[in-house]
Amino acid sequence: AHEDAEMIVFDVPLLFETGAHKKVDHVVVVSTTSE
């Protein structure tokens, strides 16, 4: 539905667990300390 967008962002908490990281152009990890 958004194939004409300049960029689409997929917010996927289980990106690595589901293997979805292999299906995107660029993986961004949002991170902070465990605390």
PDB file of all heavy atoms in Angstrom:
ATOM      1  N   ALA A   1       0.821  -1.220   0.000  1.00  0.00           N
ATOM      2  CA  ALA A   1       0.000   0.000   0.000  1.00  0.00           C
ATOM      3  C   ALA A   1       0.852   1.265   0.000  1.00  0.00           C
ATOM      4  O   ALA A   1       0.362   2.342  -0.341  1.00  0.00           O
ATOM      5  CB  ALA A   1      -0.935   0.002   1.210  1.00  0.00           C
ATOM      6  N   HIS A   2       2.130   1.141   0.372  1.00  0.00           N
ATOM      7  CA  HIS A   2       3.018   2.312   0.456  1.00  0.00           C
ATOM      8  C   HIS A   2       4.241   2.164  -0.443  1.00  0.00           C
ATOM      9  O   HIS A   2       5.296   2.746  -0.189  1.00  0.00           O
ATOM     10  CB  HIS A   2       3.463   2.520   1.911  1.00  0.00           C
ATOM     11  CG  HIS A   2       2.349   2.903   2.810  1.00  0.00           C
ATOM     12  ND1 HIS A   2       1.571   1.969   3.455  1.00  0.00           N
ATOM     13  CD2 HIS A   2       1.848   4.112   3.150  1.00  0.00           C
ATOM     14  CE1 HIS A   2       0.648   2.579   4.161  1.00  0.00           C
ATOM     15  NE2 HIS A   2       0.779   3.874   3.990  1.00  0.00           N
ATOM     16  N   GLU A   3       4.092   1.394  -1.527  1.00  0.00           N
ATOM     17  CA  GLU A   3       5.251   1.110  -2.384  1.00  0.00           C
ATOM     18  C   GLU A   3       5.858   2.356  -3.020  1.00  0.00           C
ATOM     19  O   GLU A   3       7.015   2.342  -3.424  1.00  0.00           O
ATOM     20  CB  GLU A   3       4.894   0.064  -3.439  1.00  0.00           C
ATOM     21  CG  GLU A   3       3.867   0.517  -4.449  1.00  0.00           C
ATOM     22  CD  GLU A   3       3.469  -0.606  -5.399  1.00  0.00           C
ATOM     23  OE1 GLU A   3       4.017  -1.720  -5.297  1.00  0.00           O
ATOM     24  OE2 GLU A   3       2.602  -0.349  -6.245  1.00  0.00           O
ATOM     25  N   ASP A   4       5.106   3.441  -3.101  1.00  0.00           N
ATOM     26  CA  ASP A   4       5.641   4.667  -3.688  1.00  0.00           C
ATOM     27  C   ASP A   4       6.300   5.591  -2.667  1.00  0.00           C
ATOM     28  O   ASP A   4       6.814   6.654  -3.039  1.00  0.00           O
ATOM     29  CB  ASP A   4       4.528   5.437  -4.415  1.00  0.00           C
ATOM     30  CG  ASP A   4       4.025   4.668  -5.640  1.00  0.00           C
ATOM     31  OD1 ASP A   4       4.797   3.852  -6.201  1.00  0.00           O
ATOM     32  OD2 ASP A   4       2.851   4.867  -6.016  1.00  0.00           O
ATOM     33  N   ALA A   5       6.291   5.213  -1.396  1.00  0.00           N
ATOM     34  CA  ALA A   5       6.889   6.053  -0.354  1.00  0.00           C
ATOM     35  C   ALA A   5       8.406   6.095  -0.524  1.00  0.00           C
ATOM     36  O   ALA A   5       9.035   5.126  -0.970  1.00  0.00           O
ATOM     37  CB  ALA A   5       6.543   5.513   1.029  1.00  0.00           C
ATOM     38  N   GLU A   6       8.974   7.218  -0.145  1.00  0.00           N
ATOM     39  CA  GLU A   6      10.433   7.360  -0.189  1.00  0.00           C
ATOM     40  C   GLU A   6      11.093   6.313   0.704  1.00  0.00           C
ATOM     41  O   GLU A   6      12.116   5.725   0.351  1.00  0.00           O
ATOM     42  CB  GLU A   6      10.812   8.765   0.286  1.00  0.00           C
ATOM     43  CG  GLU A   6      12.308   8.993   0.357  1.00  0.00           C
ATOM     44  CD  GLU A   6      12.673  10.342   0.963  1.00  0.00           C
ATOM     45  OE1 GLU A   6      11.818  10.991   1.594  1.00  0.00           O
ATOM     46  OE2 GLU A   6      13.846  10.723   0.814  1.00  0.00           O
ATOM     47  N   MET A   7      10.509   6.097   1.848  1.00  0.00           N
ATOM     48  CA  MET A   7      11.044   5.148   2.815  1.00  0.00           C
ATOM     49  C   MET A   7       9.884   4.664   3.677  1.00  0.00           C
ATOM     50  O   MET A   7       8.995   5.438   4.008  1.00  0.00           O
ATOM     51  CB  MET A   7      12.078   5.865   3.697  1.00  0.00           C
ATOM     52  CG  MET A   7      12.839   4.994   4.645  1.00  0.00           C
ATOM     53  SD  MET A   7      13.961   5.954   5.748  1.00  0.00           S
ATOM     54  CE  MET A   7      14.715   7.148   4.674  1.00  0.00           C
ATOM     55  N   ILE A   8       9.893   3.378   4.009  1.00  0.00           N
ATOM     56  CA  ILE A   8       8.909   2.817   4.927  1.00  0.00           C
ATOM     57  C   ILE A   8       9.676   2.325   6.141  1.00  0.00           C
ATOM     58  O   ILE A   8      10.728   1.688   6.006  1.00  0.00           O
ATOM     59  CB  ILE A   8       8.148   1.626   4.304  1.00  0.00           C
ATOM     60  CG1 ILE A   8       7.406   2.051   3.047  1.00  0.00           C
ATOM     61  CG2 ILE A   8       7.181   1.014   5.322  1.00  0.00           C
ATOM     62  CD1 ILE A   8       6.804   0.881   2.279  1.00  0.00           C
ATOM     63  N   VAL A   9       9.133   2.595   7.319  1.00  0.00           N
ATOM     64  CA  VAL A   9       9.762   2.142   8.553  1.00  0.00           C
ATOM     65  C   VAL A   9       8.903   1.022   9.131  1.00  0.00           C
ATOM     66  O   VAL A   9       7.696   1.170   9.286  1.00  0.00           O
ATOM     67  CB  VAL A   9       9.900   3.294   9.575  1.00  0.00           C
ATOM     68  CG1 VAL A   9      10.478   2.791  10.889  1.00  0.00           C
ATOM     69  CG2 VAL A   9      10.767   4.413   8.990  1.00  0.00           C
ATOM     70  N   PHE A  10       9.555  -0.095   9.423  1.00  0.00           N
ATOM     71  CA  PHE A  10       8.892  -1.220  10.057  1.00  0.00           C
ATOM     72  C   PHE A  10       9.359  -1.272  11.504  1.00  0.00           C
ATOM     73  O   PHE A  10      10.542  -1.501  11.767  1.00  0.00           O
ATOM     74  CB  PHE A  10       9.235  -2.538   9.349  1.00  0.00           C
ATOM     75  CG  PHE A  10       8.767  -2.583   7.925  1.00  0.00           C
ATOM     76  CD1 PHE A  10       9.644  -2.346   6.881  1.00  0.00           C
ATOM     77  CD2 PHE A  10       7.442  -2.854   7.631  1.00  0.00           C
ATOM     78  CE1 PHE A  10       9.216  -2.381   5.561  1.00  0.00           C
ATOM     79  CE2 PHE A  10       6.996  -2.888   6.319  1.00  0.00           C
ATOM     80  CZ  PHE A  10       7.884  -2.649   5.283  1.00  0.00           C
ATOM     81  N   ASP A  11       8.446  -1.051  12.430  1.00  0.00           N
ATOM     82  CA  ASP A  11       8.742  -1.104  13.861  1.00  0.00           C
ATOM     83  C   ASP A  11       8.415  -2.520  14.324  1.00  0.00           C
ATOM     84  O   ASP A  11       7.252  -2.871  14.509  1.00  0.00           O
ATOM     85  CB  ASP A  11       7.884  -0.062  14.590  1.00  0.00           C
ATOM     86  CG  ASP A  11       8.150  -0.010  16.085  1.00  0.00           C
ATOM     87  OD1 ASP A  11       8.894  -0.871  16.599  1.00  0.00           O
ATOM     88  OD2 ASP A  11       7.597   0.895  16.740  1.00  0.00           O
ATOM     89  N   VAL A  12       9.470  -3.331  14.487  1.00  0.00           N
ATOM     90  CA  VAL A  12       9.292  -4.755  14.758  1.00  0.00           C
ATOM     91  C   VAL A  12      10.129  -5.157  15.974  1.00  0.00           C
ATOM     92  O   VAL A  12      11.335  -5.385  15.845  1.00  0.00           O
ATOM     93  CB  VAL A  12       9.707  -5.611  13.536  1.00  0.00           C
ATOM     94  CG1 VAL A  12       9.419  -7.088  13.779  1.00  0.00           C
ATOM     95  CG2 VAL A  12       9.029  -5.123  12.268  1.00  0.00           C
ATOM     96  N   PRO A  13       9.504  -5.246  17.149  1.00  0.00           N
ATOM     97  CA  PRO A  13      10.268  -5.637  18.337  1.00  0.00           C
ATOM     98  C   PRO A  13      10.951  -7.001  18.200  1.00  0.00           C
ATOM     99  O   PRO A  13      12.037  -7.206  18.732  1.00  0.00           O
ATOM    100  CB  PRO A  13       9.211  -5.668  19.443  1.00  0.00           C
ATOM    101  CG  PRO A  13       8.164  -4.721  18.987  1.00  0.00           C
ATOM    102  CD  PRO A  13       8.129  -4.871  17.488  1.00  0.00           C
ATOM    103  N   LEU A  14      10.353  -7.936  17.483  1.00  0.00           N
ATOM    104  CA  LEU A  14      10.934  -9.273  17.317  1.00  0.00           C
ATOM    105  C   LEU A  14      11.579  -9.436  15.942  1.00  0.00           C
ATOM    106  O   LEU A  14      11.521 -10.507  15.336  1.00  0.00           O
ATOM    107  CB  LEU A  14       9.854 -10.343  17.539  1.00  0.00           C
ATOM    108  CG  LEU A  14       9.220 -10.363  18.926  1.00  0.00           C
ATOM    109  CD1 LEU A  14       8.111 -11.410  18.998  1.00  0.00           C
ATOM    110  CD2 LEU A  14      10.252 -10.608  20.008  1.00  0.00           C
ATOM    111  N   LEU A  15      12.213  -8.394  15.454  1.00  0.00           N
ATOM    112  CA  LEU A  15      12.812  -8.400  14.121  1.00  0.00           C
ATOM    113  C   LEU A  15      13.792  -9.563  13.942  1.00  0.00           C
ATOM    114  O   LEU A  15      13.716 -10.301  12.964  1.00  0.00           O
ATOM    115  CB  LEU A  15      13.528  -7.071  13.863  1.00  0.00           C
ATOM    116  CG  LEU A  15      14.076  -6.884  12.460  1.00  0.00           C
ATOM    117  CD1 LEU A  15      12.944  -6.594  11.492  1.00  0.00           C
ATOM    118  CD2 LEU A  15      15.092  -5.753  12.425  1.00  0.00           C
ATOM    119  N   PHE A  16      14.707  -9.710  14.873  1.00  0.00           N
ATOM    120  CA  PHE A  16      15.724 -10.762  14.751  1.00  0.00           C
ATOM    121  C   PHE A  16      15.132 -12.132  15.062  1.00  0.00           C
ATOM    122  O   PHE A  16      15.453 -13.123  14.394  1.00  0.00           O
ATOM    123  CB  PHE A  16      16.909 -10.470  15.674  1.00  0.00           C
ATOM    124  CG  PHE A  16      17.712  -9.290  15.223  1.00  0.00           C
ATOM    125  CD1 PHE A  16      17.510  -8.045  15.789  1.00  0.00           C
ATOM    126  CD2 PHE A  16      18.656  -9.409  14.217  1.00  0.00           C
ATOM    127  CE1 PHE A  16      18.239  -6.941  15.363  1.00  0.00           C
ATOM    128  CE2 PHE A  16      19.389  -8.316  13.778  1.00  0.00           C
ATOM    129  CZ  PHE A  16      19.175  -7.081  14.347  1.00  0.00           C
ATOM    130  N   GLU A  17      14.257 -12.200  16.056  1.00  0.00           N
ATOM    131  CA  GLU A  17      13.667 -13.469  16.466  1.00  0.00           C
ATOM    132  C   GLU A  17      12.833 -14.105  15.360  1.00  0.00           C
ATOM    133  O   GLU A  17      12.770 -15.330  15.264  1.00  0.00           O
ATOM    134  CB  GLU A  17      12.801 -13.272  17.719  1.00  0.00           C
ATOM    135  CG  GLU A  17      13.584 -12.890  18.964  1.00  0.00           C
ATOM    136  CD  GLU A  17      13.895 -11.399  19.082  1.00  0.00           C
ATOM    137  OE1 GLU A  17      13.669 -10.635  18.110  1.00  0.00           O
ATOM    138  OE2 GLU A  17      14.384 -10.983  20.136  1.00  0.00           O
ATOM    139  N   THR A  18      12.214 -13.279  14.530  1.00  0.00           N
ATOM    140  CA  THR A  18      11.359 -13.797  13.445  1.00  0.00           C
ATOM    141  C   THR A  18      12.093 -13.892  12.111  1.00  0.00           C
ATOM    142  O   THR A  18      11.514 -14.338  11.122  1.00  0.00           O
ATOM    143  CB  THR A  18      10.119 -12.896  13.269  1.00  0.00           C
ATOM    144  OG1 THR A  18      10.546 -11.575  12.939  1.00  0.00           O
ATOM    145  CG2 THR A  18       9.249 -12.892  14.515  1.00  0.00           C
ATOM    146  N   GLY A  19      13.344 -13.456  12.059  1.00  0.00           N
ATOM    147  CA  GLY A  19      14.109 -13.500  10.819  1.00  0.00           C
ATOM    148  C   GLY A  19      13.778 -12.369   9.859  1.00  0.00           C
ATOM    149  O   GLY A  19      14.285 -12.322   8.738  1.00  0.00           O
ATOM    150  N   ALA A  20      12.938 -11.424  10.287  1.00  0.00           N
ATOM    151  CA  ALA A  20      12.519 -10.334   9.403  1.00  0.00           C
ATOM    152  C   ALA A  20      13.669  -9.384   9.063  1.00  0.00           C
ATOM    153  O   ALA A  20      13.590  -8.663   8.070  1.00  0.00           O
ATOM    154  CB  ALA A  20      11.359  -9.556  10.037  1.00  0.00           C
ATOM    155  N   HIS A  21      14.742  -9.401   9.848  1.00  0.00           N
ATOM    156  CA  HIS A  21      15.887  -8.529   9.558  1.00  0.00           C
ATOM    157  C   HIS A  21      16.519  -8.861   8.203  1.00  0.00           C
ATOM    158  O   HIS A  21      17.178  -8.014   7.608  1.00  0.00           O
ATOM    159  CB  HIS A  21      16.937  -8.620  10.677  1.00  0.00           C
ATOM    160  CG  HIS A  21      17.574  -9.963  10.814  1.00  0.00           C
ATOM    161  ND1 HIS A  21      16.899 -11.065  11.315  1.00  0.00           N
ATOM    162  CD2 HIS A  21      18.825 -10.382  10.507  1.00  0.00           C
ATOM    163  CE1 HIS A  21      17.709 -12.112  11.311  1.00  0.00           C
ATOM    164  NE2 HIS A  21      18.877 -11.721  10.823  1.00  0.00           N
ATOM    165  N   LYS A  22      16.283 -10.064   7.707  1.00  0.00           N
ATOM    166  CA  LYS A  22      16.838 -10.477   6.415  1.00  0.00           C
ATOM    167  C   LYS A  22      16.035  -9.928   5.237  1.00  0.00           C
ATOM    168  O   LYS A  22      16.446 -10.055   4.102  1.00  0.00           O
ATOM    169  CB  LYS A  22      16.874 -12.005   6.336  1.00  0.00           C
ATOM    170  CG  LYS A  22      17.753 -12.655   7.381  1.00  0.00           C
ATOM    171  CD  LYS A  22      17.604 -14.157   7.365  1.00  0.00           C
ATOM    172  CE  LYS A  22      18.341 -14.775   8.537  1.00  0.00           C
ATOM    173  NZ  LYS A  22      17.986 -16.185   8.711  1.00  0.00           N
ATOM    174  N   LYS A  23      14.883  -9.323   5.535  1.00  0.00           N
ATOM    175  CA  LYS A  23      13.975  -8.892   4.474  1.00  0.00           C
ATOM    176  C   LYS A  23      13.835  -7.373   4.373  1.00  0.00           C
ATOM    177  O   LYS A  23      12.914  -6.888   3.727  1.00  0.00           O
ATOM    178  CB  LYS A  23      12.606  -9.534   4.699  1.00  0.00           C
ATOM    179  CG  LYS A  23      12.642 -11.051   4.582  1.00  0.00           C
ATOM    180  CD  LYS A  23      11.290 -11.645   4.842  1.00  0.00           C
ATOM    181  CE  LYS A  23      11.130 -13.090   4.599  1.00  0.00           C
ATOM    182  NZ  LYS A  23      12.132 -14.024   4.853  1.00  0.00           N
ATOM    183  N   VAL A  24      14.731  -6.653   5.004  1.00  0.00           N
ATOM    184  CA  VAL A  24      14.692  -5.190   4.935  1.00  0.00           C
ATOM    185  C   VAL A  24      16.018  -4.671   4.392  1.00  0.00           C
ATOM    186  O   VAL A  24      17.031  -5.371   4.420  1.00  0.00           O
ATOM    187  CB  VAL A  24      14.367  -4.548   6.316  1.00  0.00           C
ATOM    188  CG1 VAL A  24      12.969  -4.928   6.780  1.00  0.00           C
ATOM    189  CG2 VAL A  24      15.397  -4.923   7.353  1.00  0.00           C
ATOM    190  N   ASP A  25      16.002  -3.435   3.909  1.00  0.00           N
ATOM    191  CA  ASP A  25      17.206  -2.860   3.313  1.00  0.00           C
ATOM    192  C   ASP A  25      18.202  -2.356   4.346  1.00  0.00           C
ATOM    193  O   ASP A  25      19.410  -2.341   4.091  1.00  0.00           O
ATOM    194  CB  ASP A  25      16.824  -1.681   2.403  1.00  0.00           C
ATOM    195  CG  ASP A  25      15.990  -2.132   1.220  1.00  0.00           C
ATOM    196  OD1 ASP A  25      16.283  -3.202   0.656  1.00  0.00           O
ATOM    197  OD2 ASP A  25      15.037  -1.413   0.872  1.00  0.00           O
ATOM    198  N   HIS A  26      17.679  -1.924   5.505  1.00  0.00           N
ATOM    199  CA  HIS A  26      18.551  -1.308   6.504  1.00  0.00           C
ATOM    200  C   HIS A  26      17.965  -1.593   7.878  1.00  0.00           C
ATOM    201  O   HIS A  26      16.803  -1.276   8.121  1.00  0.00           O
ATOM    202  CB  HIS A  26      18.627   0.205   6.259  1.00  0.00           C
ATOM    203  CG  HIS A  26      19.720   0.887   7.015  1.00  0.00           C
ATOM    204  ND1 HIS A  26      20.965   1.098   6.483  1.00  0.00           N
ATOM    205  CD2 HIS A  26      19.751   1.398   8.261  1.00  0.00           C
ATOM    206  CE1 HIS A  26      21.722   1.725   7.371  1.00  0.00           C
ATOM    207  NE2 HIS A  26      21.004   1.917   8.468  1.00  0.00           N
ATOM    208  N   VAL A  27      18.755  -2.184   8.761  1.00  0.00           N
ATOM    209  CA  VAL A  27      18.284  -2.510  10.106  1.00  0.00           C
ATOM    210  C   VAL A  27      18.754  -1.438  11.079  1.00  0.00           C
ATOM    211  O   VAL A  27      19.944  -1.173  11.206  1.00  0.00           O
ATOM    212  CB  VAL A  27      18.802  -3.888  10.572  1.00  0.00           C
ATOM    213  CG1 VAL A  27      18.414  -4.147  12.029  1.00  0.00           C
ATOM    214  CG2 VAL A  27      18.270  -4.994   9.665  1.00  0.00           C
ATOM    215  N   VAL A  28      17.773  -0.833  11.747  1.00  0.00           N
ATOM    216  CA  VAL A  28      18.046   0.163  12.778  1.00  0.00           C
ATOM    217  C   VAL A  28      17.629  -0.446  14.109  1.00  0.00           C
ATOM    218  O   VAL A  28      16.494  -0.884  14.267  1.00  0.00           O
ATOM    219  CB  VAL A  28      17.251   1.472  12.542  1.00  0.00           C
ATOM    220  CG1 VAL A  28      17.520   2.480  13.654  1.00  0.00           C
ATOM    221  CG2 VAL A  28      17.593   2.053  11.184  1.00  0.00           C
ATOM    222  N   VAL A  29      18.541  -0.484  15.045  1.00  0.00           N
ATOM    223  CA  VAL A  29      18.225  -0.954  16.390  1.00  0.00           C
ATOM    224  C   VAL A  29      18.175   0.253  17.302  1.00  0.00           C
ATOM    225  O   VAL A  29      19.115   1.053  17.344  1.00  0.00           O
ATOM    226  CB  VAL A  29      19.262  -1.980  16.892  1.00  0.00           C
ATOM    227  CG1 VAL A  29      19.081  -2.262  18.380  1.00  0.00           C
ATOM    228  CG2 VAL A  29      19.147  -3.273  16.095  1.00  0.00           C
ATOM    229  N   VAL A  30      17.059   0.402  17.989  1.00  0.00           N
ATOM    230  CA  VAL A  30      16.884   1.476  18.960  1.00  0.00           C
ATOM    231  C   VAL A  30      17.243   0.869  20.300  1.00  0.00           C
ATOM    232  O   VAL A  30      16.684  -0.148  20.704  1.00  0.00           O
ATOM    233  CB  VAL A  30      15.424   1.980  18.947  1.00  0.00           C
ATOM    234  CG1 VAL A  30      15.219   3.040  20.001  1.00  0.00           C
ATOM    235  CG2 VAL A  30      15.076   2.494  17.568  1.00  0.00           C
ATOM    236  N   SER A  31      18.192   1.477  20.991  1.00  0.00           N
ATOM    237  CA  SER A  31      18.736   0.824  22.171  1.00  0.00           C
ATOM    238  C   SER A  31      18.996   1.804  23.303  1.00  0.00           C
ATOM    239  O   SER A  31      19.145   3.012  23.090  1.00  0.00           O
ATOM    240  CB  SER A  31      20.058   0.136  21.768  1.00  0.00           C
ATOM    241  OG  SER A  31      20.573  -0.622  22.831  1.00  0.00           O
ATOM    242  N   THR A  32      19.029   1.247  24.486  1.00  0.00           N
ATOM    243  CA  THR A  32      19.417   1.990  25.681  1.00  0.00           C
ATOM    244  C   THR A  32      19.991   0.976  26.655  1.00  0.00           C
ATOM    245  O   THR A  32      20.059  -0.220  26.342  1.00  0.00           O
ATOM    246  CB  THR A  32      18.215   2.751  26.280  1.00  0.00           C
ATOM    247  OG1 THR A  32      18.685   3.625  27.312  1.00  0.00           O
ATOM    248  CG2 THR A  32      17.165   1.805  26.841  1.00  0.00           C
ATOM    249  N   THR A  33      20.362   1.418  27.822  1.00  0.00           N
ATOM    250  CA  THR A  33      20.883   0.476  28.811  1.00  0.00           C
ATOM    251  C   THR A  33      19.759  -0.443  29.279  1.00  0.00           C
ATOM    252  O   THR A  33      18.578  -0.090  29.200  1.00  0.00           O
ATOM    253  CB  THR A  33      21.456   1.210  30.032  1.00  0.00           C
ATOM    254  OG1 THR A  33      20.372   1.887  30.697  1.00  0.00           O
ATOM    255  CG2 THR A  33      22.538   2.203  29.641  1.00  0.00           C
ATOM    256  N   SER A  34      20.099  -1.606  29.772  1.00  0.00           N
ATOM    257  CA  SER A  34      19.070  -2.527  30.263  1.00  0.00           C
ATOM    258  C   SER A  34      18.316  -1.913  31.434  1.00  0.00           C
ATOM    259  O   SER A  34      17.109  -2.142  31.594  1.00  0.00           O
ATOM    260  CB  SER A  34      19.681  -3.873  30.640  1.00  0.00           C
ATOM    261  OG  SER A  34      20.688  -3.712  31.620  1.00  0.00           O
ATOM    262  N   GLU A  35      18.996  -1.103  32.231  1.00  0.00           N
ATOM    263  CA  GLU A  35      18.335  -0.437  33.360  1.00  0.00           C
ATOM    264  C   GLU A  35      17.273   0.544  32.858  1.00  0.00           C
ATOM    265  O   GLU A  35      16.157   0.580  33.373  1.00  0.00           O
ATOM    266  CB  GLU A  35      19.355   0.304  34.241  1.00  0.00           C
ATOM    267  CG  GLU A  35      20.341  -0.590  34.956  1.00  0.00           C
ATOM    268  CD  GLU A  35      21.516  -1.041  34.078  1.00  0.00           C
ATOM    269  OE1 GLU A  35      21.751  -0.451  32.979  1.00  0.00           O
ATOM    270  OE2 GLU A  35      22.175  -2.017  34.465  1.00  0.00           O
TER     271      GLU A  35
END
